[in-house]
Amino acid sequence: MRVETQLGDFGPPRDERELAAVADIMMQSYAMSPADSAAWVQRTSRPDLRLLREGGEVAATLVLIRMGQWYGGRSVPVIGVGGVGVSPVHRGRGAATRLMRHLLREARATGAPLSVLYPATQPLYRRVGYEHAGTRQEIRVQIPSLDFSERTLSLRPIEEKDTQAIVLSYQRHARHRPGWLDRGDFSWGRVRNLRGEVAHGYLVEGSAGVEGYLYVIRRPLKDFKQELFLSDIVAHTPAAARRILSFLGDHRSLATDVSWHGGVDDPLLLLLREQTYSVKLYMHWMVRVLDVASALEARGWPEGLSGTLQLDLEDDLFPENQGRFVLEVADGQARVRRGGDGGLRLHVRELAPLYTGHLSAESLRAMGALQGDDASVRAAGSLFAGAPPSLRDMF
């Protein structure tokens, strides 16, 4: 897609010269070495790169990532955004804002109802309608405390033939965790090879088949010690969880800690004897609702819960999201129509944390982020209630 307006020329790279400009922007934006920035460009699919050209020069760049996020047990299509960078000579002129506005228009045109990103800076993304929508937590456990001895299940290296079983195992696990990615090739590539760090995969099997798996990256420390980083870990049964923790504990002679990412409600921590772990916020991620009606109808809703919520929305970029909507939920599904009395009034930016369950309507009202009567706030609290949204993957 290529768009030319008074705001600049936006689209994929045209030639090697523009790819070199992208590498230079990445090097200077993220303090990367020339070799690392060149490698980043080589790893990135050219059709997914987007450039903003101004005055005949590449002024800014980003990469879009097509994937999904699980909400209410359903995968909602999202456009992930990464690698946002602006040429030093174009900073301070609004280039990043124009770049993002172009990207959001394209993302909406694809039919994706949401966009998600990790912010290096928040004011830029709030200007174009993103807001905090969940967390990514670092979970760190002291390996000597993993005194498990579960051996009833087999644990073996993952082989190529296991790929489909691993994907299905992850989907089974992730679909019940709000915000987790419905991974595509990009995200699975990062699980198995994280910026050049190769992960070793191990499969846990029982009589009924796959019960869990993990991918381990070993990082050296001084004095022959190491720490373990898990780019992914899934356990479907208590026995699989104990088998994985036993395997990690078997590294105690050389490894000090093991860490992975997820949410504050990680169930593996329930099995530990003592609180020999830490859970620390890594970053808040942000969501932009691109299409209000489609986003509300695409996600799943609690079975057995029914209710109606009347919304009055503002959106500075998409007139289609402006005005009043009626949300009707029943039997795990939603229907959205125009109209109603607009009992809950908010900007589309504040719809993001409400949609994901990151913040309740009551909390948003307390901070002045929405206005509404008590009945509307209670209805929103019931409809959007759920586990805290989190993300394991970085992109």
Protein backbone atom coordinates (compact mmCIF):
# COMPACT_ATOMS: atom_id res chain seq x y z
CA MET A 1 0.00 0.00 0.00
CA ARG A 2 1.28 3.45 -0.88
CA VAL A 3 -0.35 6.72 0.12
CA GLU A 4 0.66 10.19 -1.03
CA THR A 5 -0.83 13.25 0.67
CA GLN A 6 0.31 16.61 1.95
CA LEU A 7 1.49 14.69 5.02
CA GLY A 8 4.12 12.86 3.03
CA ASP A 9 4.64 9.70 0.98
CA PHE A 10 3.97 6.47 2.91
CA GLY A 11 4.54 2.88 1.86
CA PRO A 12 6.97 -0.05 1.67
CA PRO A 13 10.63 0.49 0.68
CA ARG A 14 11.26 0.94 -3.03
CA ASP A 15 14.89 -0.05 -3.37
CA GLU A 16 18.16 -0.90 -1.64
CA ARG A 17 18.91 2.77 -1.02
CA GLU A 18 15.79 3.09 1.09
CA LEU A 19 16.59 -0.12 2.95
CA ALA A 20 19.98 1.36 3.79
CA ALA A 21 18.20 4.46 5.11
CA VAL A 22 16.02 2.22 7.31
CA ALA A 23 19.13 0.53 8.70
CA ASP A 24 20.66 3.93 9.46
CA ILE A 25 17.49 5.11 11.23
CA MET A 26 17.38 1.94 13.33
CA MET A 27 21.07 2.28 14.22
CA GLN A 28 20.63 5.85 15.42
CA SER A 29 17.20 5.42 17.04
CA TYR A 30 18.09 2.34 19.09
CA ALA A 31 21.88 2.77 19.51
CA MET A 32 22.48 -0.38 17.46
CA SER A 33 25.77 -1.27 15.84
CA PRO A 34 25.93 -1.03 12.03
CA ALA A 35 26.08 -4.82 11.83
CA ASP A 36 23.07 -5.28 14.13
CA SER A 37 20.93 -2.71 12.29
CA ALA A 38 21.78 -4.29 8.94
CA ALA A 39 20.90 -7.72 10.35
CA TRP A 40 17.58 -6.35 11.68
CA VAL A 41 16.65 -5.11 8.20
CA GLN A 42 17.60 -8.45 6.68
CA ARG A 43 15.42 -10.34 9.18
CA THR A 44 12.43 -8.08 8.59
CA SER A 45 10.07 -8.93 5.76
CA ARG A 46 10.20 -6.09 3.22
CA PRO A 47 6.44 -6.14 2.55
CA ASP A 48 5.92 -5.42 6.26
CA LEU A 49 8.21 -2.39 6.41
CA ARG A 50 6.63 1.04 6.11
CA LEU A 51 8.44 4.31 5.36
CA LEU A 52 7.42 7.93 5.58
CA ARG A 53 9.19 10.04 2.95
CA GLU A 54 9.40 13.80 3.25
CA GLY A 55 11.35 16.08 0.96
CA GLY A 56 12.53 13.08 -1.04
CA GLU A 57 14.16 11.46 2.03
CA VAL A 58 13.19 8.60 4.30
CA ALA A 59 12.04 10.45 7.41
CA ALA A 60 10.66 7.59 9.53
CA THR A 61 10.05 3.87 9.51
CA LEU A 62 8.21 1.04 11.27
CA VAL A 63 7.31 -2.60 10.79
CA LEU A 64 3.75 -3.95 10.97
CA ILE A 65 3.11 -7.47 12.24
CA ARG A 66 -0.10 -9.31 11.44
CA MET A 67 -1.20 -11.56 14.28
CA GLY A 68 -4.02 -12.03 16.79
CA GLN A 69 -4.70 -11.53 20.48
CA TRP A 70 -6.87 -13.75 22.63
CA TYR A 71 -9.81 -12.09 24.38
CA GLY A 72 -12.62 -14.10 25.90
CA GLY A 73 -11.31 -17.29 24.29
CA ARG A 74 -11.39 -15.85 20.77
CA SER A 75 -8.54 -14.66 18.58
CA VAL A 76 -9.05 -11.02 17.58
CA PRO A 77 -6.99 -9.91 14.53
CA VAL A 78 -4.47 -7.22 15.45
CA ILE A 79 -1.75 -5.24 13.75
CA GLY A 80 1.37 -5.18 15.89
CA VAL A 81 3.74 -2.25 15.47
CA GLY A 82 7.48 -2.42 16.06
CA GLY A 83 10.73 -0.80 15.03
CA VAL A 84 9.36 2.76 15.05
CA GLY A 85 12.23 5.13 14.27
CA VAL A 86 12.69 8.68 13.01
CA SER A 87 15.71 10.09 11.22
CA PRO A 88 17.56 12.50 13.56
CA VAL A 89 17.25 15.39 11.10
CA HIS A 90 13.45 14.93 10.93
CA ARG A 91 12.78 14.79 14.67
CA GLY A 92 10.72 17.46 16.34
CA ARG A 93 8.61 18.06 13.20
CA GLY A 94 5.75 15.61 13.83
CA ALA A 95 7.08 12.90 11.50
CA ALA A 96 6.38 10.09 13.98
CA THR A 97 2.78 11.24 14.44
CA ARG A 98 2.24 11.38 10.67
CA LEU A 99 3.84 7.96 10.28
CA MET A 100 1.51 6.45 12.89
CA ARG A 101 -1.60 8.07 11.43
CA HIS A 102 -0.80 6.58 8.03
CA LEU A 103 -0.19 3.19 9.62
CA LEU A 104 -3.47 3.26 11.55
CA ARG A 105 -5.46 4.10 8.43
CA GLU A 106 -3.84 1.19 6.60
CA ALA A 107 -4.36 -1.14 9.57
CA ARG A 108 -8.05 -0.31 9.75
CA ALA A 109 -8.39 -0.82 5.99
CA THR A 110 -7.08 -4.39 6.40
CA GLY A 111 -10.05 -5.17 8.63
CA ALA A 112 -8.05 -5.57 11.85
CA PRO A 113 -10.11 -4.08 14.71
CA LEU A 114 -7.12 -3.53 17.03
CA SER A 115 -3.48 -2.45 16.96
CA VAL A 116 -0.99 -3.25 19.73
CA LEU A 117 2.54 -2.08 20.54
CA TYR A 118 5.17 -1.65 23.23
CA PRO A 119 5.87 2.07 23.66
CA ALA A 120 9.37 3.53 23.82
CA THR A 121 7.55 6.79 24.55
CA GLN A 122 3.90 7.19 25.52
CA PRO A 123 2.85 10.73 24.45
CA LEU A 124 3.31 9.93 20.76
CA TYR A 125 1.05 6.89 20.89
CA ARG A 126 -1.56 8.51 23.10
CA ARG A 127 -1.84 11.32 20.54
CA VAL A 128 -3.01 8.79 17.96
CA GLY A 129 -5.36 6.88 20.27
CA TYR A 130 -3.35 4.16 22.05
CA GLU A 131 -3.55 3.58 25.80
CA HIS A 132 -2.24 1.13 28.42
CA ALA A 133 -4.03 -2.18 27.96
CA GLY A 134 -2.00 -4.76 29.89
CA THR A 135 1.38 -5.70 31.30
CA ARG A 136 4.38 -7.85 30.56
CA GLN A 137 5.91 -9.17 33.77
CA GLU A 138 9.33 -10.71 34.31
CA ILE A 139 9.09 -13.77 36.54
CA ARG A 140 12.41 -14.81 38.13
CA VAL A 141 12.87 -17.93 40.26
CA GLN A 142 15.92 -19.05 42.23
CA ILE A 143 16.84 -22.43 40.77
CA PRO A 144 18.18 -23.97 44.03
CA SER A 145 14.62 -23.63 45.44
CA LEU A 146 13.20 -25.93 42.73
CA ASP A 147 13.31 -29.12 44.80
CA PHE A 148 10.97 -31.17 42.62
CA SER A 149 11.51 -34.79 41.60
CA GLU A 150 8.70 -35.51 39.15
CA ARG A 151 9.81 -38.19 36.64
CA THR A 152 6.56 -39.90 35.66
CA LEU A 153 6.28 -38.01 32.37
CA SER A 154 8.84 -38.18 29.59
CA LEU A 155 10.83 -35.08 28.62
CA ARG A 156 12.75 -35.08 25.35
CA PRO A 157 14.19 -32.57 22.86
CA ILE A 158 11.65 -31.06 20.47
CA GLU A 159 12.01 -32.27 16.89
CA GLU A 160 10.81 -30.81 13.59
CA LYS A 161 7.93 -33.27 13.51
CA ASP A 162 6.58 -31.78 16.75
CA THR A 163 5.94 -28.31 15.29
CA GLN A 164 2.18 -28.64 14.80
CA ALA A 165 1.69 -30.24 18.21
CA ILE A 166 3.61 -27.39 19.84
CA VAL A 167 1.51 -24.75 18.07
CA LEU A 168 -1.73 -26.45 19.15
CA SER A 169 -0.44 -26.82 22.70
CA TYR A 170 0.36 -23.11 22.86
CA GLN A 171 -3.04 -22.12 21.45
CA ARG A 172 -4.80 -24.32 23.99
CA HIS A 173 -2.87 -22.54 26.74
CA ALA A 174 -2.99 -18.98 25.39
CA ARG A 175 -6.65 -18.74 24.43
CA HIS A 176 -7.64 -18.48 28.10
CA ARG A 177 -5.11 -15.72 28.88
CA PRO A 178 -6.39 -12.29 27.85
CA GLY A 179 -3.98 -10.39 25.65
CA TRP A 180 -1.70 -13.28 24.74
CA LEU A 181 -0.75 -13.47 21.09
CA ASP A 182 -2.24 -15.80 18.55
CA ARG A 183 1.23 -16.21 17.10
CA GLY A 184 2.27 -16.07 13.49
CA ASP A 185 5.61 -16.95 11.93
CA PHE A 186 7.25 -13.77 13.26
CA SER A 187 6.44 -14.53 16.89
CA TRP A 188 7.28 -18.24 16.66
CA GLY A 189 10.60 -17.27 15.09
CA ARG A 190 11.41 -15.16 18.15
CA VAL A 191 10.53 -18.04 20.48
CA ARG A 192 13.03 -20.32 18.77
CA ASN A 193 15.71 -17.75 17.95
CA LEU A 194 15.74 -14.55 19.99
CA ARG A 195 18.07 -12.04 18.30
CA GLY A 196 20.62 -14.74 17.58
CA GLU A 197 20.16 -16.63 20.87
CA VAL A 198 19.10 -20.14 19.92
CA ALA A 199 16.52 -21.71 22.23
CA HIS A 200 16.60 -25.44 22.97
CA GLY A 201 13.10 -26.91 23.08
CA TYR A 202 11.89 -29.79 25.28
CA LEU A 203 8.58 -31.62 25.02
CA VAL A 204 6.73 -33.17 27.98
CA GLU A 205 4.56 -36.17 27.07
CA GLY A 206 2.24 -38.54 28.89
CA SER A 207 -0.15 -41.29 27.94
CA ALA A 208 -2.58 -38.75 26.45
CA GLY A 209 0.08 -36.99 24.37
CA VAL A 210 1.62 -33.55 24.78
CA GLU A 211 1.18 -32.17 28.30
CA GLY A 212 3.62 -29.27 28.06
CA TYR A 213 6.87 -27.92 26.65
CA LEU A 214 9.52 -25.26 27.17
CA TYR A 215 12.19 -23.42 25.19
CA VAL A 216 15.41 -22.64 27.09
CA ILE A 217 18.14 -20.10 26.35
CA ARG A 218 21.29 -20.47 28.49
CA ARG A 219 23.07 -17.19 29.23
CA PRO A 220 26.61 -17.26 30.68
CA LEU A 221 27.55 -15.52 33.92
CA LYS A 222 30.96 -15.23 35.55
CA ASP A 223 32.74 -18.13 37.27
CA PHE A 224 31.22 -20.76 34.97
CA LYS A 225 27.72 -19.98 36.18
CA GLN A 226 24.70 -19.38 33.95
CA GLU A 227 21.11 -18.22 34.08
CA LEU A 228 18.24 -19.71 32.15
CA PHE A 229 15.75 -17.70 30.13
CA LEU A 230 12.57 -19.40 28.91
CA SER A 231 11.29 -17.92 25.66
CA ASP A 232 8.19 -20.07 26.17
CA ILE A 233 6.82 -22.43 28.80
CA VAL A 234 3.49 -24.27 28.83
CA ALA A 235 2.10 -26.87 31.25
CA HIS A 236 -1.40 -28.29 30.85
CA THR A 237 -1.38 -30.59 33.89
CA PRO A 238 0.07 -30.53 37.43
CA ALA A 239 2.36 -33.43 36.52
CA ALA A 240 3.69 -31.56 33.48
CA ALA A 241 4.31 -28.45 35.59
CA ARG A 242 6.22 -30.46 38.18
CA ARG A 243 8.17 -32.28 35.45
CA ILE A 244 9.25 -28.94 33.94
CA LEU A 245 10.17 -27.52 37.35
CA SER A 246 12.14 -30.71 38.09
CA PHE A 247 14.03 -30.31 34.81
CA LEU A 248 14.87 -26.71 35.65
CA GLY A 249 15.92 -27.67 39.18
CA ASP A 250 18.30 -30.26 37.69
CA HIS A 251 20.39 -27.27 36.51
CA ARG A 252 21.13 -26.13 40.08
CA SER A 253 24.82 -27.08 39.99
CA LEU A 254 25.55 -24.40 37.35
CA ALA A 255 22.47 -22.18 36.97
CA THR A 256 21.45 -19.55 39.50
CA ASP A 257 18.08 -18.22 38.27
CA VAL A 258 15.47 -18.98 35.67
CA SER A 259 13.25 -16.24 34.21
CA TRP A 260 10.39 -15.96 31.78
CA HIS A 261 7.66 -13.45 30.91
CA GLY A 262 3.95 -13.53 31.49
CA GLY A 263 1.39 -12.19 33.93
CA VAL A 264 1.15 -11.62 37.66
CA ASP A 265 -1.21 -14.62 37.84
CA ASP A 266 1.24 -17.21 36.49
CA PRO A 267 -0.06 -20.55 37.86
CA LEU A 268 3.40 -22.16 38.06
CA LEU A 269 4.17 -20.00 41.08
CA LEU A 270 1.40 -21.77 42.99
CA LEU A 271 3.54 -24.92 43.09
CA LEU A 272 6.60 -23.35 44.74
CA ARG A 273 7.16 -24.12 48.42
CA GLU A 274 8.39 -20.62 49.33
CA GLN A 275 8.33 -17.18 47.75
CA THR A 276 11.78 -17.66 46.25
CA TYR A 277 10.79 -15.67 43.19
CA SER A 278 10.07 -12.14 42.05
CA VAL A 279 7.43 -10.79 39.67
CA LYS A 280 8.46 -7.43 38.25
CA LEU A 281 6.79 -5.18 35.72
CA TYR A 282 8.73 -5.19 32.47
CA MET A 283 6.48 -2.83 30.52
CA HIS A 284 2.90 -1.80 29.88
CA TRP A 285 1.74 -2.52 26.34
CA MET A 286 -0.76 -0.30 24.55
CA VAL A 287 -3.78 -0.94 22.33
CA ARG A 288 -5.53 1.24 19.77
CA VAL A 289 -9.14 0.34 18.94
CA LEU A 290 -9.37 0.78 15.16
CA ASP A 291 -12.98 -0.29 14.62
CA VAL A 292 -15.22 -0.09 17.69
CA ALA A 293 -18.06 -2.28 16.46
CA SER A 294 -15.80 -4.95 14.96
CA ALA A 295 -13.56 -5.07 18.04
CA LEU A 296 -16.49 -5.59 20.41
CA GLU A 297 -18.09 -8.25 18.22
CA ALA A 298 -14.82 -10.12 17.50
CA ARG A 299 -13.89 -10.94 21.10
CA GLY A 300 -15.48 -13.59 23.29
CA TRP A 301 -17.63 -12.82 26.31
CA PRO A 302 -18.42 -14.79 29.49
CA GLU A 303 -20.84 -17.64 28.90
CA GLY A 304 -24.06 -17.26 30.85
CA LEU A 305 -23.65 -13.50 31.20
CA SER A 306 -25.93 -11.10 29.40
CA GLY A 307 -26.18 -7.36 29.49
CA THR A 308 -26.43 -4.12 27.57
CA LEU A 309 -24.04 -1.16 27.62
CA GLN A 310 -24.62 2.17 25.91
CA LEU A 311 -21.48 3.98 24.78
CA ASP A 312 -20.79 7.51 23.58
CA LEU A 313 -17.34 7.66 21.95
CA GLU A 314 -14.92 10.25 20.63
CA ASP A 315 -12.21 9.49 18.05
CA ASP A 316 -9.97 12.15 16.54
CA LEU A 317 -8.84 9.99 13.62
CA PHE A 318 -11.74 7.77 12.57
CA PRO A 319 -15.18 9.43 12.26
CA GLU A 320 -16.68 5.94 11.97
CA ASN A 321 -15.91 5.40 15.67
CA GLN A 322 -17.57 8.65 16.74
CA GLY A 323 -20.97 8.76 18.40
CA ARG A 324 -23.29 6.41 20.23
CA PHE A 325 -23.25 2.62 20.18
CA VAL A 326 -25.30 -0.03 21.94
CA LEU A 327 -23.40 -3.17 23.02
CA GLU A 328 -25.62 -6.20 23.63
CA VAL A 329 -23.97 -9.32 25.10
CA ALA A 330 -25.57 -12.77 25.35
CA ASP A 331 -24.44 -16.41 25.05
CA GLY A 332 -20.74 -15.48 24.83
CA GLN A 333 -21.26 -13.17 21.85
CA ALA A 334 -21.86 -9.48 21.25
CA ARG A 335 -23.90 -7.44 18.84
CA VAL A 336 -23.22 -3.74 18.32
CA ARG A 337 -25.56 -1.24 16.76
CA ARG A 338 -25.78 2.50 16.45
CA GLY A 339 -27.97 4.47 18.84
CA GLY A 340 -28.76 4.48 22.53
CA ASP A 341 -28.47 7.18 25.15
CA GLY A 342 -24.68 7.07 25.58
CA GLY A 343 -24.65 6.26 29.29
CA LEU A 344 -20.87 5.71 29.28
CA ARG A 345 -18.93 8.57 27.67
CA LEU A 346 -15.25 8.18 26.80
CA HIS A 347 -12.56 8.71 24.21
CA VAL A 348 -11.62 5.70 22.08
CA ARG A 349 -8.23 5.85 23.81
CA GLU A 350 -9.82 4.94 27.16
CA LEU A 351 -11.86 2.17 25.53
CA ALA A 352 -8.61 0.16 25.17
CA PRO A 353 -7.98 -0.60 28.89
CA LEU A 354 -11.70 -1.23 29.40
CA TYR A 355 -11.85 -3.61 26.41
CA THR A 356 -8.89 -5.72 27.55
CA GLY A 357 -9.88 -5.71 31.23
CA HIS A 358 -6.72 -3.87 32.27
CA LEU A 359 -8.71 -1.19 34.11
CA SER A 360 -12.30 -1.25 35.31
CA ALA A 361 -14.86 1.36 34.39
CA GLU A 362 -14.90 2.42 38.04
CA SER A 363 -11.13 2.99 38.03
CA LEU A 364 -11.31 4.90 34.76
CA ARG A 365 -14.10 7.09 36.10
CA ALA A 366 -12.12 7.81 39.26
CA MET A 367 -9.28 9.14 37.09
CA GLY A 368 -11.60 11.25 34.93
CA ALA A 369 -11.02 9.00 31.91
CA LEU A 370 -14.72 8.36 31.39
CA GLN A 371 -18.04 9.71 32.55
CA GLY A 372 -21.10 7.66 33.30
CA ASP A 373 -23.90 6.94 35.72
CA ASP A 374 -23.50 4.24 38.36
CA ALA A 375 -25.65 1.71 36.51
CA SER A 376 -23.57 2.01 33.32
CA VAL A 377 -20.32 1.75 35.25
CA ARG A 378 -21.54 -1.39 37.05
CA ALA A 379 -22.67 -2.94 33.76
CA ALA A 380 -19.27 -2.27 32.17
CA GLY A 381 -17.56 -3.72 35.23
CA SER A 382 -19.47 -6.98 34.87
CA LEU A 383 -19.14 -7.33 31.10
CA PHE A 384 -15.41 -6.62 30.88
CA ALA A 385 -14.33 -8.42 34.07
CA GLY A 386 -11.71 -11.12 33.78
CA ALA A 387 -8.13 -12.17 34.42
CA PRO A 388 -5.53 -9.40 34.16
CA PRO A 389 -4.36 -9.06 30.53
CA SER A 390 -0.71 -9.83 29.90
CA LEU A 391 1.75 -10.67 27.14
CA ARG A 392 4.58 -13.17 27.02
CA ASP A 393 5.93 -12.17 23.61
CA MET A 394 7.96 -9.09 22.70
CA PHE A 395 7.81 -7.71 19.16
